[in-house]
Amino acid sequence: MEHRTREHAIQNPHGVVGLAGFQQTIGDFPISTNDVFRIQLPQQFTSEDLDRMQTDFQLLADVLRLQRNRFNDLLAARMQNQKEVATMIAKELGLTEEESQAHGGGILLGVVAIVVTADVFVGA
């Protein structure tokens, strides 16, 4: 039987990102909801991808430096499962895919960088 390593076993790698465990009650039933999405990962990243990732991180760093309290409002709203409020604040802060692309980034590439790096740290 052929031994397969992890890198050979994954043909179409993807990142899984999200938040889980939001509690609510519907009727008489307590439930827990999850907001999870998958990002298809490329087999290789280009120099342009890395430039876009860097732009994403710079945009986020600027928001954290210049609008720290409002970003904390976004985090608090999302942790309270107020997704619509968090989305409104994200748009106000310019944390959208469209805004990122307008500056040469693409927020999902920044997410990919974090997912892959986290996987390396956790798997180490």
N, C-alpha and C. Protein backbone atom coordinates (compact mmCIF):
# COMPACT_ATOMS: atom_id res chain seq x y z
N MET A 1 0.84 -1.18 0.00
CA MET A 1 0.00 0.00 0.00
C MET A 1 0.89 1.24 0.00
N GLU A 2 0.57 2.18 -0.86
CA GLU A 2 1.38 3.39 -1.02
C GLU A 2 1.12 4.36 0.14
N HIS A 3 2.20 4.86 0.74
CA HIS A 3 2.08 5.86 1.81
C HIS A 3 1.92 7.23 1.17
N ARG A 4 0.92 7.98 1.60
CA ARG A 4 0.68 9.31 1.04
C ARG A 4 0.89 10.35 2.13
N THR A 5 1.68 11.35 1.83
CA THR A 5 1.90 12.43 2.78
C THR A 5 0.77 13.43 2.67
N ARG A 6 0.72 14.34 3.63
CA ARG A 6 -0.35 15.34 3.66
C ARG A 6 -0.38 16.16 2.38
N GLU A 7 0.79 16.62 1.89
CA GLU A 7 0.78 17.46 0.71
C GLU A 7 0.32 16.72 -0.54
N HIS A 8 0.49 15.41 -0.57
CA HIS A 8 0.02 14.66 -1.72
C HIS A 8 -1.46 14.31 -1.60
N ALA A 9 -1.98 14.28 -0.40
CA ALA A 9 -3.37 13.88 -0.20
C ALA A 9 -4.34 15.01 -0.55
N ILE A 10 -3.90 16.26 -0.48
CA ILE A 10 -4.78 17.39 -0.75
C ILE A 10 -4.60 17.83 -2.19
N GLN A 11 -5.62 17.62 -3.01
CA GLN A 11 -5.56 18.01 -4.41
C GLN A 11 -6.01 19.45 -4.63
N ASN A 12 -7.02 19.87 -3.90
CA ASN A 12 -7.59 21.21 -4.04
C ASN A 12 -7.69 21.86 -2.66
N PRO A 13 -6.57 22.36 -2.14
CA PRO A 13 -6.62 22.90 -0.79
C PRO A 13 -7.49 24.15 -0.71
N HIS A 14 -8.14 24.30 0.41
CA HIS A 14 -8.94 25.50 0.66
C HIS A 14 -8.82 25.86 2.13
N GLY A 15 -8.97 27.14 2.40
CA GLY A 15 -8.98 27.62 3.78
C GLY A 15 -10.42 27.67 4.28
N VAL A 16 -10.59 27.38 5.54
CA VAL A 16 -11.91 27.46 6.17
C VAL A 16 -11.81 28.52 7.26
N VAL A 17 -12.69 29.51 7.15
CA VAL A 17 -12.63 30.65 8.04
C VAL A 17 -14.03 30.92 8.58
N GLY A 18 -14.13 31.32 9.82
CA GLY A 18 -15.44 31.69 10.33
C GLY A 18 -15.49 31.78 11.83
N LEU A 19 -16.67 32.01 12.30
CA LEU A 19 -16.96 32.10 13.73
C LEU A 19 -18.03 31.07 14.06
N ALA A 20 -17.90 30.47 15.21
CA ALA A 20 -18.85 29.43 15.59
C ALA A 20 -19.32 29.64 17.03
N GLY A 21 -20.48 29.10 17.33
CA GLY A 21 -20.96 29.06 18.70
C GLY A 21 -21.87 30.20 19.11
N PHE A 22 -22.46 30.92 18.17
CA PHE A 22 -23.41 31.97 18.54
C PHE A 22 -24.69 31.31 19.02
N GLN A 23 -25.08 31.60 20.26
CA GLN A 23 -26.25 30.98 20.88
C GLN A 23 -27.49 31.84 20.65
N GLN A 24 -28.59 31.20 20.35
CA GLN A 24 -29.86 31.87 20.26
C GLN A 24 -30.97 30.86 20.50
N THR A 25 -32.17 31.35 20.65
CA THR A 25 -33.32 30.47 20.85
C THR A 25 -34.33 30.75 19.76
N ILE A 26 -34.81 29.70 19.15
CA ILE A 26 -35.87 29.80 18.16
C ILE A 26 -37.03 28.97 18.70
N GLY A 27 -38.11 29.67 19.04
CA GLY A 27 -39.22 28.99 19.70
C GLY A 27 -38.75 28.48 21.05
N ASP A 28 -38.90 27.19 21.29
CA ASP A 28 -38.46 26.59 22.54
C ASP A 28 -37.09 25.92 22.42
N PHE A 29 -36.44 26.10 21.28
CA PHE A 29 -35.21 25.36 21.02
C PHE A 29 -33.97 26.25 21.06
N PRO A 30 -33.08 25.98 22.00
CA PRO A 30 -31.79 26.68 21.97
C PRO A 30 -30.94 26.10 20.83
N ILE A 31 -30.34 26.98 20.05
CA ILE A 31 -29.49 26.53 18.96
C ILE A 31 -28.17 27.29 18.98
N SER A 32 -27.21 26.75 18.29
CA SER A 32 -25.92 27.39 18.12
C SER A 32 -25.68 27.52 16.61
N THR A 33 -25.31 28.72 16.18
CA THR A 33 -25.09 28.93 14.75
C THR A 33 -23.61 29.14 14.46
N ASN A 34 -23.24 28.87 13.23
CA ASN A 34 -21.87 29.04 12.75
C ASN A 34 -21.90 29.80 11.44
N ASP A 35 -20.98 30.73 11.28
CA ASP A 35 -20.79 31.43 10.02
C ASP A 35 -19.41 31.03 9.51
N VAL A 36 -19.37 30.14 8.55
CA VAL A 36 -18.11 29.59 8.06
C VAL A 36 -18.12 29.67 6.54
N PHE A 37 -16.98 30.00 5.97
CA PHE A 37 -16.85 29.97 4.52
C PHE A 37 -15.51 29.37 4.13
N ARG A 38 -15.45 28.89 2.90
CA ARG A 38 -14.24 28.26 2.37
C ARG A 38 -13.66 29.15 1.29
N ILE A 39 -12.33 29.22 1.28
CA ILE A 39 -11.62 29.96 0.24
C ILE A 39 -10.74 28.97 -0.51
N GLN A 40 -10.97 28.86 -1.80
CA GLN A 40 -10.13 27.99 -2.63
C GLN A 40 -8.73 28.59 -2.71
N LEU A 41 -7.73 27.81 -2.39
CA LEU A 41 -6.35 28.29 -2.40
C LEU A 41 -5.66 27.90 -3.70
N PRO A 42 -4.87 28.81 -4.24
CA PRO A 42 -4.11 28.45 -5.44
C PRO A 42 -2.97 27.51 -5.08
N GLN A 43 -2.49 26.77 -6.05
CA GLN A 43 -1.35 25.89 -5.82
C GLN A 43 -0.07 26.69 -5.59
N GLN A 44 0.02 27.86 -6.22
CA GLN A 44 1.17 28.74 -6.07
C GLN A 44 0.70 30.17 -5.97
N PHE A 45 1.46 30.99 -5.25
CA PHE A 45 1.17 32.41 -5.14
C PHE A 45 2.17 33.18 -5.98
N THR A 46 1.68 34.23 -6.63
CA THR A 46 2.54 35.06 -7.47
C THR A 46 3.08 36.23 -6.67
N SER A 47 4.05 36.91 -7.23
CA SER A 47 4.58 38.12 -6.60
C SER A 47 3.47 39.17 -6.47
N GLU A 48 2.59 39.23 -7.46
CA GLU A 48 1.45 40.15 -7.40
C GLU A 48 0.52 39.80 -6.23
N ASP A 49 0.29 38.51 -5.99
CA ASP A 49 -0.52 38.08 -4.85
C ASP A 49 0.09 38.58 -3.55
N LEU A 50 1.41 38.45 -3.43
CA LEU A 50 2.10 38.88 -2.21
C LEU A 50 2.01 40.39 -2.03
N ASP A 51 2.11 41.14 -3.13
CA ASP A 51 1.95 42.60 -3.06
C ASP A 51 0.54 42.96 -2.58
N ARG A 52 -0.45 42.25 -3.10
CA ARG A 52 -1.84 42.51 -2.70
C ARG A 52 -2.05 42.16 -1.22
N MET A 53 -1.45 41.06 -0.76
CA MET A 53 -1.53 40.71 0.67
C MET A 53 -0.94 41.83 1.52
N GLN A 54 0.22 42.32 1.11
CA GLN A 54 0.88 43.39 1.85
C GLN A 54 -0.02 44.63 1.91
N THR A 55 -0.67 44.96 0.81
CA THR A 55 -1.59 46.09 0.78
C THR A 55 -2.74 45.86 1.75
N ASP A 56 -3.28 44.65 1.76
CA ASP A 56 -4.38 44.32 2.69
C ASP A 56 -3.97 44.57 4.13
N PHE A 57 -2.78 44.09 4.49
CA PHE A 57 -2.32 44.25 5.87
C PHE A 57 -2.04 45.71 6.20
N GLN A 58 -1.56 46.47 5.22
CA GLN A 58 -1.32 47.90 5.46
C GLN A 58 -2.63 48.63 5.68
N LEU A 59 -3.66 48.31 4.87
CA LEU A 59 -4.97 48.93 5.05
C LEU A 59 -5.54 48.62 6.43
N LEU A 60 -5.42 47.37 6.86
CA LEU A 60 -5.91 47.00 8.18
C LEU A 60 -5.11 47.69 9.28
N ALA A 61 -3.80 47.76 9.11
CA ALA A 61 -2.94 48.44 10.09
C ALA A 61 -3.32 49.91 10.19
N ASP A 62 -3.62 50.54 9.05
CA ASP A 62 -4.03 51.95 9.07
C ASP A 62 -5.33 52.14 9.84
N VAL A 63 -6.28 51.24 9.63
CA VAL A 63 -7.55 51.32 10.36
C VAL A 63 -7.29 51.17 11.86
N LEU A 64 -6.47 50.19 12.23
CA LEU A 64 -6.18 49.97 13.65
C LEU A 64 -5.44 51.17 14.27
N ARG A 65 -4.62 51.83 13.49
CA ARG A 65 -3.87 52.98 13.99
C ARG A 65 -4.74 54.23 14.06
N LEU A 66 -5.55 54.46 13.03
CA LEU A 66 -6.29 55.72 12.91
C LEU A 66 -7.71 55.67 13.45
N GLN A 67 -8.32 54.48 13.47
CA GLN A 67 -9.72 54.36 13.89
C GLN A 67 -9.90 53.18 14.84
N ARG A 68 -8.98 53.09 15.77
CA ARG A 68 -8.92 51.97 16.71
C ARG A 68 -10.24 51.71 17.43
N ASN A 69 -10.85 52.76 17.96
CA ASN A 69 -12.09 52.59 18.73
C ASN A 69 -13.24 52.10 17.84
N ARG A 70 -13.30 52.62 16.63
CA ARG A 70 -14.38 52.20 15.74
C ARG A 70 -14.18 50.74 15.30
N PHE A 71 -12.93 50.33 15.12
CA PHE A 71 -12.65 48.94 14.80
C PHE A 71 -13.05 48.05 15.98
N ASN A 72 -12.81 48.52 17.18
CA ASN A 72 -13.23 47.76 18.37
C ASN A 72 -14.76 47.64 18.41
N ASP A 73 -15.46 48.69 17.95
CA ASP A 73 -16.93 48.62 17.85
C ASP A 73 -17.34 47.51 16.89
N LEU A 74 -16.60 47.37 15.77
CA LEU A 74 -16.88 46.31 14.81
C LEU A 74 -16.72 44.95 15.47
N LEU A 75 -15.60 44.77 16.17
CA LEU A 75 -15.36 43.49 16.85
C LEU A 75 -16.45 43.19 17.87
N ALA A 76 -16.80 44.20 18.66
CA ALA A 76 -17.82 44.00 19.70
C ALA A 76 -19.17 43.64 19.08
N ALA A 77 -19.54 44.33 18.00
CA ALA A 77 -20.82 44.03 17.35
C ALA A 77 -20.84 42.59 16.84
N ARG A 78 -19.75 42.16 16.24
CA ARG A 78 -19.72 40.80 15.70
C ARG A 78 -19.75 39.76 16.82
N MET A 79 -19.06 40.01 17.92
CA MET A 79 -19.06 39.06 19.04
C MET A 79 -20.43 38.98 19.71
N GLN A 80 -21.25 40.02 19.53
CA GLN A 80 -22.62 40.01 20.05
C GLN A 80 -23.60 39.50 19.00
N ASN A 81 -23.07 38.92 17.91
CA ASN A 81 -23.86 38.37 16.82
C ASN A 81 -24.71 39.42 16.12
N GLN A 82 -24.22 40.67 16.11
CA GLN A 82 -24.89 41.75 15.40
C GLN A 82 -24.18 41.94 14.05
N LYS A 83 -24.36 40.96 13.19
CA LYS A 83 -23.63 40.92 11.93
C LYS A 83 -23.92 42.13 11.05
N GLU A 84 -25.16 42.58 11.01
CA GLU A 84 -25.51 43.74 10.18
C GLU A 84 -24.79 44.99 10.66
N VAL A 85 -24.72 45.18 11.97
CA VAL A 85 -24.02 46.34 12.53
C VAL A 85 -22.53 46.25 12.22
N ALA A 86 -21.96 45.07 12.41
CA ALA A 86 -20.54 44.88 12.12
C ALA A 86 -20.24 45.14 10.65
N THR A 87 -21.11 44.69 9.76
CA THR A 87 -20.93 44.92 8.33
C THR A 87 -21.00 46.41 8.00
N MET A 88 -21.93 47.12 8.62
CA MET A 88 -22.05 48.56 8.41
C MET A 88 -20.77 49.28 8.84
N ILE A 89 -20.24 48.90 10.00
CA ILE A 89 -19.01 49.52 10.49
C ILE A 89 -17.83 49.17 9.58
N ALA A 90 -17.76 47.93 9.11
CA ALA A 90 -16.69 47.53 8.20
C ALA A 90 -16.72 48.40 6.94
N LYS A 91 -17.91 48.62 6.40
CA LYS A 91 -18.04 49.47 5.20
C LYS A 91 -17.60 50.90 5.51
N GLU A 92 -18.03 51.40 6.66
CA GLU A 92 -17.65 52.75 7.10
C GLU A 92 -16.12 52.89 7.19
N LEU A 93 -15.46 51.83 7.66
CA LEU A 93 -14.00 51.85 7.82
C LEU A 93 -13.27 51.55 6.51
N GLY A 94 -14.00 51.19 5.47
CA GLY A 94 -13.37 50.85 4.20
C GLY A 94 -12.83 49.44 4.15
N LEU A 95 -13.32 48.58 5.04
CA LEU A 95 -12.87 47.19 5.09
C LEU A 95 -13.80 46.32 4.26
N THR A 96 -13.76 46.54 2.96
CA THR A 96 -14.53 45.76 2.01
C THR A 96 -13.59 45.28 0.92
N GLU A 97 -13.99 44.23 0.23
CA GLU A 97 -13.19 43.72 -0.89
C GLU A 97 -13.03 44.81 -1.96
N GLU A 98 -14.11 45.53 -2.23
CA GLU A 98 -14.07 46.58 -3.26
C GLU A 98 -13.08 47.68 -2.89
N GLU A 99 -13.12 48.12 -1.66
CA GLU A 99 -12.21 49.19 -1.21
C GLU A 99 -10.77 48.69 -1.24
N SER A 100 -10.56 47.47 -0.81
CA SER A 100 -9.21 46.91 -0.82
C SER A 100 -8.68 46.81 -2.25
N GLN A 101 -9.52 46.34 -3.16
CA GLN A 101 -9.10 46.23 -4.56
C GLN A 101 -8.82 47.60 -5.17
N ALA A 102 -9.57 48.62 -4.75
CA ALA A 102 -9.34 49.97 -5.26
C ALA A 102 -7.94 50.48 -4.88
N HIS A 103 -7.38 49.95 -3.80
CA HIS A 103 -6.04 50.32 -3.35
C HIS A 103 -4.98 49.32 -3.79
N GLY A 104 -5.37 48.34 -4.60
CA GLY A 104 -4.42 47.35 -5.10
C GLY A 104 -4.34 46.09 -4.26
N GLY A 105 -5.25 45.94 -3.32
CA GLY A 105 -5.25 44.74 -2.48
C GLY A 105 -6.38 43.80 -2.86
N GLY A 106 -6.85 43.08 -1.90
CA GLY A 106 -7.94 42.13 -2.05
C GLY A 106 -8.05 41.39 -0.73
N ILE A 107 -8.95 41.82 0.12
CA ILE A 107 -9.01 41.35 1.51
C ILE A 107 -8.89 39.84 1.63
N LEU A 108 -9.48 39.11 0.70
CA LEU A 108 -9.43 37.66 0.82
C LEU A 108 -8.00 37.12 0.71
N LEU A 109 -7.12 37.81 0.00
CA LEU A 109 -5.73 37.37 -0.05
C LEU A 109 -5.07 37.54 1.32
N GLY A 110 -5.41 38.60 2.03
CA GLY A 110 -4.90 38.76 3.39
C GLY A 110 -5.40 37.66 4.30
N VAL A 111 -6.66 37.28 4.12
CA VAL A 111 -7.23 36.18 4.90
C VAL A 111 -6.49 34.89 4.59
N VAL A 112 -6.22 34.65 3.31
CA VAL A 112 -5.49 33.45 2.90
C VAL A 112 -4.12 33.41 3.58
N ALA A 113 -3.42 34.54 3.60
CA ALA A 113 -2.10 34.59 4.24
C ALA A 113 -2.19 34.20 5.71
N ILE A 114 -3.21 34.68 6.40
CA ILE A 114 -3.39 34.37 7.82
C ILE A 114 -3.75 32.91 8.00
N VAL A 115 -4.66 32.39 7.18
CA VAL A 115 -5.09 30.99 7.30
C VAL A 115 -3.90 30.04 7.10
N VAL A 116 -3.13 30.28 6.05
CA VAL A 116 -1.98 29.40 5.78
C VAL A 116 -0.95 29.51 6.89
N THR A 117 -0.66 30.73 7.33
CA THR A 117 0.32 30.92 8.41
C THR A 117 -0.16 30.28 9.70
N ALA A 118 -1.44 30.42 10.04
CA ALA A 118 -1.99 29.80 11.24
C ALA A 118 -1.88 28.29 11.15
N ASP A 119 -2.16 27.74 9.97
CA ASP A 119 -2.06 26.30 9.79
C ASP A 119 -0.63 25.82 10.04
N VAL A 120 0.35 26.59 9.59
CA VAL A 120 1.74 26.22 9.82
C VAL A 120 2.05 26.26 11.31
N PHE A 121 1.59 27.31 12.01
CA PHE A 121 1.86 27.42 13.45
C PHE A 121 1.19 26.30 14.24
N VAL A 122 -0.06 26.02 13.92
CA VAL A 122 -0.80 24.99 14.65
C VAL A 122 -0.24 23.61 14.35
N GLY A 123 0.16 23.40 13.11
CA GLY A 123 0.67 22.09 12.71
C GLY A 123 2.12 21.84 13.10
N ALA A 124 2.80 22.89 13.56
CA ALA A 124 4.23 22.74 13.88
C ALA A 124 4.45 21.95 15.15
